[in-house]
Amino acid sequence: MSENQQPQEELSLPKATVQKIISEVLPSEFSFTKDAREALIECCIEFLMILSTQSNDIADKELKKTISTDHVLKAVTELGFVDYIPVLEKCLSEFKESNKFKERKNSKFQNSGLSEEELLRQQEELFRASRNRLQQQNVKDESE
């Protein structure tokens, strides 16, 4: 190992997450041994390293410093996993949709110009007014 090379960090995936994915994919009558799970994790890590290296090479060729989703999709294709592209594009589309909702939600708060305390106070007032209307409606219904 040269002076400039650093030892590779120990990479892993969350075991509970991997186990959950395995449980969702496998039929209930099958089980997965600990050794098999560890082997799967190692394969996943290796695949992710190959994919990220390929994506990085594509970004470098385009003189980009940031790997984009287009680079990853192109790397998946170049690595021979073209059959997965429609599924990946669908997942990407769903992710973008969910992020739009989160961004809108965050921007509403930020664009309100009010502090969090002021917004909480307004929310409490709205709850109080709603409770009062409900109580008045109940009293009115009881008297009829």
C-alpha atoms as a PDB file:
ATOM      1  CA  MET A   1       0.000   0.000   0.000  1.00  0.00           C
ATOM      2  CA  SER A   2       1.422   3.398  -0.989  1.00  0.00           C
ATOM      3  CA  GLU A   3       1.549   6.375   1.352  1.00  0.00           C
ATOM      4  CA  ASN A   4      -1.391   8.065  -0.372  1.00  0.00           C
ATOM      5  CA  GLN A   5      -3.655   5.056  -0.087  1.00  0.00           C
ATOM      6  CA  GLN A   6      -5.779   4.792   2.991  1.00  0.00           C
ATOM      7  CA  PRO A   7      -7.088   1.499   4.316  1.00  0.00           C
ATOM      8  CA  GLN A   8     -10.590   0.809   3.072  1.00  0.00           C
ATOM      9  CA  GLU A   9     -13.195   1.381   5.753  1.00  0.00           C
ATOM     10  CA  GLU A  10     -15.314  -1.544   6.784  1.00  0.00           C
ATOM     11  CA  LEU A  11     -18.519  -1.204   4.794  1.00  0.00           C
ATOM     12  CA  SER A  12     -21.810  -2.801   5.677  1.00  0.00           C
ATOM     13  CA  LEU A  13     -25.543  -2.470   5.323  1.00  0.00           C
ATOM     14  CA  PRO A  14     -28.016  -2.339   8.222  1.00  0.00           C
ATOM     15  CA  LYS A  15     -28.724  -5.962   9.068  1.00  0.00           C
ATOM     16  CA  ALA A  16     -32.287  -5.269  10.201  1.00  0.00           C
ATOM     17  CA  THR A  17     -33.076  -3.529   6.911  1.00  0.00           C
ATOM     18  CA  VAL A  18     -31.553  -6.351   4.882  1.00  0.00           C
ATOM     19  CA  GLN A  19     -33.516  -8.899   6.923  1.00  0.00           C
ATOM     20  CA  LYS A  20     -36.734  -6.941   6.346  1.00  0.00           C
ATOM     21  CA  ILE A  21     -36.131  -6.871   2.587  1.00  0.00           C
ATOM     22  CA  ILE A  22     -35.356 -10.586   2.579  1.00  0.00           C
ATOM     23  CA  SER A  23     -38.540 -11.297   4.545  1.00  0.00           C
ATOM     24  CA  GLU A  24     -40.603  -9.246   2.101  1.00  0.00           C
ATOM     25  CA  VAL A  25     -39.118 -10.972  -0.954  1.00  0.00           C
ATOM     26  CA  LEU A  26     -38.999 -14.588   0.199  1.00  0.00           C
ATOM     27  CA  PRO A  27     -42.157 -16.656   0.615  1.00  0.00           C
ATOM     28  CA  SER A  28     -42.988 -17.206   4.282  1.00  0.00           C
ATOM     29  CA  GLU A  29     -42.080 -20.909   4.176  1.00  0.00           C
ATOM     30  CA  PHE A  30     -38.431 -20.059   3.388  1.00  0.00           C
ATOM     31  CA  SER A  31     -35.808 -18.831   5.795  1.00  0.00           C
ATOM     32  CA  PHE A  32     -32.424 -17.202   5.360  1.00  0.00           C
ATOM     33  CA  THR A  33     -29.461 -18.235   7.491  1.00  0.00           C
ATOM     34  CA  LYS A  34     -27.182 -15.676   9.092  1.00  0.00           C
ATOM     35  CA  ASP A  35     -24.317 -16.765   6.810  1.00  0.00           C
ATOM     36  CA  ALA A  36     -26.507 -16.392   3.731  1.00  0.00           C
ATOM     37  CA  ARG A  37     -27.566 -12.910   4.887  1.00  0.00           C
ATOM     38  CA  GLU A  38     -23.922 -11.933   5.404  1.00  0.00           C
ATOM     39  CA  ALA A  39     -23.042 -13.245   1.928  1.00  0.00           C
ATOM     40  CA  LEU A  40     -25.922 -11.254   0.443  1.00  0.00           C
ATOM     41  CA  ILE A  41     -24.740  -8.109   2.230  1.00  0.00           C
ATOM     42  CA  GLU A  42     -21.219  -8.611   0.860  1.00  0.00           C
ATOM     43  CA  CYS A  43     -22.606  -9.044  -2.660  1.00  0.00           C
ATOM     44  CA  CYS A  44     -24.727  -5.913  -2.309  1.00  0.00           C
ATOM     45  CA  ILE A  45     -21.757  -3.882  -1.092  1.00  0.00           C
ATOM     46  CA  GLU A  46     -19.633  -5.146  -3.979  1.00  0.00           C
ATOM     47  CA  PHE A  47     -22.387  -4.290  -6.462  1.00  0.00           C
ATOM     48  CA  LEU A  48     -22.782  -0.797  -4.994  1.00  0.00           C
ATOM     49  CA  MET A  49     -19.025  -0.232  -5.203  1.00  0.00           C
ATOM     50  CA  ILE A  50     -18.933  -1.346  -8.841  1.00  0.00           C
ATOM     51  CA  LEU A  51     -21.984   0.766  -9.677  1.00  0.00           C
ATOM     52  CA  SER A  52     -20.614   3.860  -7.950  1.00  0.00           C
ATOM     53  CA  THR A  53     -17.218   3.447  -9.654  1.00  0.00           C
ATOM     54  CA  GLN A  54     -18.887   3.089 -13.050  1.00  0.00           C
ATOM     55  CA  SER A  55     -21.150   6.099 -12.326  1.00  0.00           C
ATOM     56  CA  ASN A  56     -18.132   8.133 -11.251  1.00  0.00           C
ATOM     57  CA  ASP A  57     -16.259   7.214 -14.450  1.00  0.00           C
ATOM     58  CA  ILE A  58     -19.231   8.368 -16.542  1.00  0.00           C
ATOM     59  CA  ALA A  59     -19.425  11.650 -14.607  1.00  0.00           C
ATOM     60  CA  ASP A  60     -15.657  12.143 -15.069  1.00  0.00           C
ATOM     61  CA  LYS A  61     -15.961  11.632 -18.835  1.00  0.00           C
ATOM     62  CA  GLU A  62     -18.635  14.348 -18.875  1.00  0.00           C
ATOM     63  CA  LEU A  63     -16.351  16.573 -16.774  1.00  0.00           C
ATOM     64  CA  LYS A  64     -18.904  16.602 -13.956  1.00  0.00           C
ATOM     65  CA  LYS A  65     -17.927  16.650 -10.312  1.00  0.00           C
ATOM     66  CA  THR A  66     -21.256  15.341  -9.069  1.00  0.00           C
ATOM     67  CA  ILE A  67     -22.756  11.968  -9.953  1.00  0.00           C
ATOM     68  CA  SER A  68     -26.334  12.440 -11.131  1.00  0.00           C
ATOM     69  CA  THR A  69     -29.161   9.949 -11.505  1.00  0.00           C
ATOM     70  CA  ASP A  70     -28.508   9.954 -15.259  1.00  0.00           C
ATOM     71  CA  HIS A  71     -24.959   8.779 -14.581  1.00  0.00           C
ATOM     72  CA  VAL A  72     -26.225   5.971 -12.350  1.00  0.00           C
ATOM     73  CA  LEU A  73     -28.848   4.869 -14.876  1.00  0.00           C
ATOM     74  CA  LYS A  74     -26.242   4.865 -17.637  1.00  0.00           C
ATOM     75  CA  ALA A  75     -23.897   2.833 -15.411  1.00  0.00           C
ATOM     76  CA  VAL A  76     -26.668   0.309 -14.713  1.00  0.00           C
ATOM     77  CA  THR A  77     -27.146  -0.051 -18.464  1.00  0.00           C
ATOM     78  CA  GLU A  78     -23.425  -0.354 -19.161  1.00  0.00           C
ATOM     79  CA  LEU A  79     -23.108  -3.029 -16.479  1.00  0.00           C
ATOM     80  CA  GLY A  80     -25.734  -5.095 -18.291  1.00  0.00           C
ATOM     81  CA  PHE A  81     -28.717  -4.524 -16.005  1.00  0.00           C
ATOM     82  CA  VAL A  82     -30.841  -2.796 -18.647  1.00  0.00           C
ATOM     83  CA  ASP A  83     -33.913  -4.802 -17.587  1.00  0.00           C
ATOM     84  CA  TYR A  84     -33.933  -2.893 -14.299  1.00  0.00           C
ATOM     85  CA  ILE A  85     -34.074   0.559 -15.921  1.00  0.00           C
ATOM     86  CA  PRO A  86     -37.926   0.804 -16.051  1.00  0.00           C
ATOM     87  CA  VAL A  87     -38.196  -0.177 -12.379  1.00  0.00           C
ATOM     88  CA  LEU A  88     -35.452   2.284 -11.404  1.00  0.00           C
ATOM     89  CA  GLU A  89     -37.078   5.076 -13.413  1.00  0.00           C
ATOM     90  CA  LYS A  90     -40.411   4.366 -11.712  1.00  0.00           C
ATOM     91  CA  CYS A  91     -38.753   4.477  -8.267  1.00  0.00           C
ATOM     92  CA  LEU A  92     -36.985   7.701  -9.217  1.00  0.00           C
ATOM     93  CA  SER A  93     -40.253   9.253 -10.376  1.00  0.00           C
ATOM     94  CA  GLU A  94     -41.992   8.249  -7.127  1.00  0.00           C
ATOM     95  CA  PHE A  95     -39.105   9.663  -5.112  1.00  0.00           C
ATOM     96  CA  LYS A  96     -39.265  12.971  -6.986  1.00  0.00           C
ATOM     97  CA  GLU A  97     -43.027  13.168  -6.413  1.00  0.00           C
ATOM     98  CA  SER A  98     -42.670  12.550  -2.678  1.00  0.00           C
ATOM     99  CA  ASN A  99     -39.904  15.149  -2.497  1.00  0.00           C
ATOM    100  CA  LYS A 100     -42.091  17.752  -4.237  1.00  0.00           C
ATOM    101  CA  PHE A 101     -44.658  17.323  -1.473  1.00  0.00           C
ATOM    102  CA  LYS A 102     -41.975  17.676   1.216  1.00  0.00           C
ATOM    103  CA  GLU A 103     -40.499  20.742  -0.494  1.00  0.00           C
ATOM    104  CA  ARG A 104     -43.927  22.389  -0.781  1.00  0.00           C
ATOM    105  CA  LYS A 105     -44.621  21.641   2.864  1.00  0.00           C
ATOM    106  CA  ASN A 106     -41.268  23.072   3.965  1.00  0.00           C
ATOM    107  CA  SER A 107     -41.511  26.105   1.712  1.00  0.00           C
ATOM    108  CA  LYS A 108     -44.978  26.988   3.053  1.00  0.00           C
ATOM    109  CA  PHE A 109     -43.525  27.141   6.544  1.00  0.00           C
ATOM    110  CA  GLN A 110     -40.462  29.082   5.437  1.00  0.00           C
ATOM    111  CA  ASN A 111     -42.399  31.455   3.189  1.00  0.00           C
ATOM    112  CA  SER A 112     -44.947  32.301   5.875  1.00  0.00           C
ATOM    113  CA  GLY A 113     -42.539  34.763   7.451  1.00  0.00           C
ATOM    114  CA  LEU A 114     -43.710  33.678  10.891  1.00  0.00           C
ATOM    115  CA  SER A 115     -41.698  32.093  13.635  1.00  0.00           C
ATOM    116  CA  GLU A 116     -42.431  28.542  14.715  1.00  0.00           C
ATOM    117  CA  GLU A 117     -43.818  29.872  18.002  1.00  0.00           C
ATOM    118  CA  GLU A 118     -46.208  32.211  16.157  1.00  0.00           C
ATOM    119  CA  LEU A 119     -47.376  29.406  13.884  1.00  0.00           C
ATOM    120  CA  LEU A 120     -47.975  27.156  16.917  1.00  0.00           C
ATOM    121  CA  ARG A 121     -49.952  29.934  18.600  1.00  0.00           C
ATOM    122  CA  GLN A 122     -52.100  30.343  15.483  1.00  0.00           C
ATOM    123  CA  GLN A 123     -52.636  26.597  15.317  1.00  0.00           C
ATOM    124  CA  GLU A 124     -53.752  26.511  18.957  1.00  0.00           C
ATOM    125  CA  GLU A 125     -56.190  29.369  18.266  1.00  0.00           C
ATOM    126  CA  LEU A 126     -57.643  27.467  15.317  1.00  0.00           C
ATOM    127  CA  PHE A 127     -58.054  24.340  17.459  1.00  0.00           C
ATOM    128  CA  ARG A 128     -59.708  26.394  20.210  1.00  0.00           C
ATOM    129  CA  ALA A 129     -62.124  28.003  17.726  1.00  0.00           C
ATOM    130  CA  SER A 130     -62.938  24.603  16.248  1.00  0.00           C
ATOM    131  CA  ARG A 131     -63.632  23.130  19.698  1.00  0.00           C
ATOM    132  CA  ASN A 132     -65.892  26.095  20.525  1.00  0.00           C
ATOM    133  CA  ARG A 133     -67.877  25.643  17.302  1.00  0.00           C
ATOM    134  CA  LEU A 134     -68.226  21.928  18.015  1.00  0.00           C
ATOM    135  CA  GLN A 135     -69.405  22.594  21.575  1.00  0.00           C
ATOM    136  CA  GLN A 136     -71.899  25.216  20.369  1.00  0.00           C
ATOM    137  CA  GLN A 137     -73.189  22.763  17.763  1.00  0.00           C
ATOM    138  CA  ASN A 138     -73.592  20.076  20.461  1.00  0.00           C
ATOM    139  CA  VAL A 139     -75.484  22.486  22.750  1.00  0.00           C
ATOM    140  CA  LYS A 140     -77.728  23.511  19.845  1.00  0.00           C
ATOM    141  CA  ASP A 141     -78.397  19.853  18.940  1.00  0.00           C
ATOM    142  CA  GLU A 142     -79.224  18.982  22.577  1.00  0.00           C
ATOM    143  CA  SER A 143     -81.701  21.844  22.920  1.00  0.00           C
ATOM    144  CA  GLU A 144     -83.628  20.837  19.792  1.00  0.00           C
END
